[in-house]
Every structure is written in structure tokens, then in C-alpha cells.
């Protein structure tokens, strides 16, 4: 469970939501004149999960390289799913050929890049501190 990236759960929520809510733009909830669609809720969830994953790896002095690589692998898997869906070579993957999935993929890619940079800088900082007398 420690090494599972948060975007695996976002992908599971995307798959479940795609089957339960066929129209992603339909109103999911309405409160005092504000309406919330499934796609907006999923994008907010994806952004929060990305930030929480970044907080998880930002502890100085702890080697979180595996977690950062898993986040990059998850982003790579999302890119692969979108690329295969965009070619229409596998009809079952048509679920991943839409704008919502592109936005989720972009969030995952940005998270992966930032995670690797944060981990590298926190490790370098801990090595610098350890070398000083």
C-alpha cells in the first residue's frame, strides 16, 4: 500500500464514474445555485490526490525514490492508455479518449515531474547536511 500512487485510486474512480455517470457534464450535485458535475469533482479529487502524494514524498532525509518512480510509472501508464485509445486500434479503450482523461493525464505528468524533483532536492539536502562537520 505504501508504494501505490494516489493516481491509481483516481484511475479507479474514473473507471467507476464512467460506468455510473455516462454523461460526465451532467449535474451531480446542486447547492445554492452552484452545480457540480462528475468531471469537476473528479478533477478536484485528482488535484488533491496529487498534492497529498507530493506531501508524502517531501520529507527531508528520507529516500522516497521508489514512490517518485511509481508516480512516474502511473503517469506513463495514463499516457499509454490515452495513446492507445487515440489510435482507435483497441475499441475497448475508447473510454480513455476524451478531454477529461487528458486533463487527468496532464495532472499526473506534472505530479510525477515535481515528485522526482522534490525527492532529488530533499536527498541532496540531507547529503549536504550529513557531510558538514
Protein backbone atom coordinates (compact mmCIF):
# COMPACT_ATOMS: atom_id res chain seq x y z
CA UNK A 1 0.00 0.00 0.00
CA UNK A 2 2.91 2.36 0.68
CA UNK A 3 4.14 2.35 -2.90
CA UNK A 4 0.74 2.57 -4.62
CA UNK A 5 0.45 6.05 -6.15
CA UNK A 6 -2.66 8.02 -5.39
CA UNK A 7 -3.46 8.27 -9.08
CA UNK A 8 -4.21 4.54 -9.10
CA UNK A 9 -7.21 5.39 -6.93
CA UNK A 10 -8.10 8.32 -9.20
CA UNK A 11 -7.98 5.95 -12.19
CA UNK A 12 -10.27 3.54 -10.34
CA UNK A 13 -12.65 6.42 -9.55
CA UNK A 14 -12.56 7.45 -13.23
CA UNK A 15 -13.44 3.94 -14.36
CA UNK A 16 -16.25 3.61 -11.81
CA UNK A 17 -17.59 7.07 -12.58
CA UNK A 18 -17.54 6.42 -16.32
CA UNK A 19 -19.88 3.50 -15.83
CA UNK A 20 -22.13 5.08 -13.21
CA UNK A 21 -22.32 8.53 -14.83
CA UNK A 22 -22.49 8.17 -18.63
CA UNK A 23 -22.68 11.97 -19.07
CA UNK A 24 -19.65 13.45 -17.32
CA UNK A 25 -21.02 17.01 -17.64
CA UNK A 26 -24.40 16.25 -16.08
CA UNK A 27 -25.06 17.88 -12.73
CA UNK A 28 -24.03 15.63 -9.86
CA UNK A 29 -24.96 17.98 -7.01
CA UNK A 30 -26.52 21.40 -6.73
CA UNK A 31 -26.23 23.79 -3.80
CA UNK A 32 -27.45 27.41 -3.63
CA UNK A 33 -27.26 27.93 -7.36
CA UNK A 34 -23.93 26.18 -7.82
CA UNK A 35 -23.89 22.95 -9.74
CA UNK A 36 -21.14 20.35 -9.63
CA UNK A 37 -20.60 17.82 -12.40
CA UNK A 38 -18.86 14.46 -12.16
CA UNK A 39 -15.91 15.68 -14.22
CA UNK A 40 -15.37 18.71 -11.98
CA UNK A 41 -15.49 16.56 -8.86
CA UNK A 42 -13.00 14.11 -10.36
CA UNK A 43 -10.60 16.89 -11.38
CA UNK A 44 -10.75 18.36 -7.86
CA UNK A 45 -10.09 14.91 -6.42
CA UNK A 46 -7.15 14.40 -8.80
CA UNK A 47 -5.58 17.72 -7.80
CA UNK A 48 -5.95 16.95 -4.09
CA UNK A 49 -4.53 13.46 -4.50
CA UNK A 50 -1.57 14.85 -6.46
CA UNK A 51 -0.82 17.37 -3.71
CA UNK A 52 -1.15 14.74 -0.96
CA UNK A 53 1.21 12.41 -2.82
CA UNK A 54 3.73 15.24 -3.13
CA UNK A 55 3.47 15.88 0.59
CA UNK A 56 4.10 12.19 1.20
CA UNK A 57 7.46 12.27 -0.56
CA UNK A 58 8.65 15.68 0.63
CA UNK A 59 10.09 14.58 3.97
CA UNK A 60 13.75 15.63 4.06
CA UNK A 61 16.32 12.95 4.65
CA UNK A 62 14.08 10.06 3.64
CA UNK A 63 14.73 8.29 0.35
CA UNK A 64 11.39 8.24 -1.45
CA UNK A 65 12.81 7.41 -4.86
CA UNK A 66 10.60 4.33 -5.25
CA UNK A 67 7.46 6.36 -4.59
CA UNK A 68 8.53 9.02 -7.09
CA UNK A 69 9.30 6.38 -9.72
CA UNK A 70 5.91 4.74 -9.11
CA UNK A 71 4.22 8.10 -9.66
CA UNK A 72 6.11 8.49 -12.93
CA UNK A 73 5.15 4.93 -13.93
CA UNK A 74 1.49 5.71 -13.22
CA UNK A 75 1.70 8.84 -15.36
CA UNK A 76 3.34 6.76 -18.09
CA UNK A 77 0.52 4.23 -17.88
CA UNK A 78 -2.05 7.02 -18.28
CA UNK A 79 -0.19 8.35 -21.33
CA UNK A 80 -0.10 4.83 -22.79
CA UNK A 81 -3.84 4.35 -22.20
CA UNK A 82 -4.61 7.65 -23.90
CA UNK A 83 -2.27 6.96 -26.82
CA UNK A 84 -3.78 3.52 -27.43
CA UNK A 85 -7.29 4.95 -27.16
CA UNK A 86 -6.48 7.78 -29.56
CA UNK A 87 -5.40 5.36 -32.28
CA UNK A 88 -8.75 3.51 -32.15
CA UNK A 89 -6.85 0.24 -32.54
CA UNK A 90 -8.45 -1.26 -29.40
CA UNK A 91 -12.15 -0.38 -29.24
CA UNK A 92 -12.45 -1.22 -25.54
CA UNK A 93 -10.05 1.63 -24.72
CA UNK A 94 -12.34 4.28 -26.22
CA UNK A 95 -13.22 5.15 -22.64
CA UNK A 96 -9.84 6.90 -22.34
CA UNK A 97 -10.19 9.05 -25.46
CA UNK A 98 -11.76 12.22 -24.06
CA UNK A 99 -10.82 15.58 -22.65
CA UNK A 100 -11.35 14.62 -19.02
CA UNK A 101 -8.81 11.82 -19.28
CA UNK A 102 -6.33 14.16 -20.99
CA UNK A 103 -6.60 16.57 -18.06
CA UNK A 104 -6.13 13.75 -15.56
CA UNK A 105 -3.06 12.61 -17.52
CA UNK A 106 -1.60 16.13 -17.52
CA UNK A 107 -2.09 16.41 -13.76
CA UNK A 108 -0.38 13.04 -13.27
CA UNK A 109 2.54 14.04 -15.52
CA UNK A 110 3.06 17.32 -13.66
CA UNK A 111 2.88 15.47 -10.34
CA UNK A 112 5.48 12.92 -11.46
CA UNK A 113 7.96 15.57 -12.59
CA UNK A 114 7.56 17.58 -9.40
CA UNK A 115 7.82 14.43 -7.26
CA UNK A 116 11.14 13.45 -8.82
CA UNK A 117 12.49 17.00 -8.40
CA UNK A 118 11.35 17.24 -4.77
CA UNK A 119 12.82 13.86 -3.92
CA UNK A 120 16.15 14.67 -5.57
CA UNK A 121 16.44 18.00 -3.79
CA UNK A 122 15.49 16.62 -0.38
CA UNK A 123 18.05 13.82 -0.77
CA UNK A 124 20.73 16.28 -1.85
CA UNK A 125 19.93 18.50 1.11
CA UNK A 126 20.22 15.58 3.52
CA UNK A 127 23.55 14.52 1.98
CA UNK A 128 24.86 18.10 2.28
CA UNK A 129 23.81 18.28 5.92
CA UNK A 130 25.36 14.90 6.67
CA UNK A 131 28.73 15.92 5.16
CA UNK A 132 29.16 19.06 7.24
CA UNK A 133 31.21 18.76 10.46
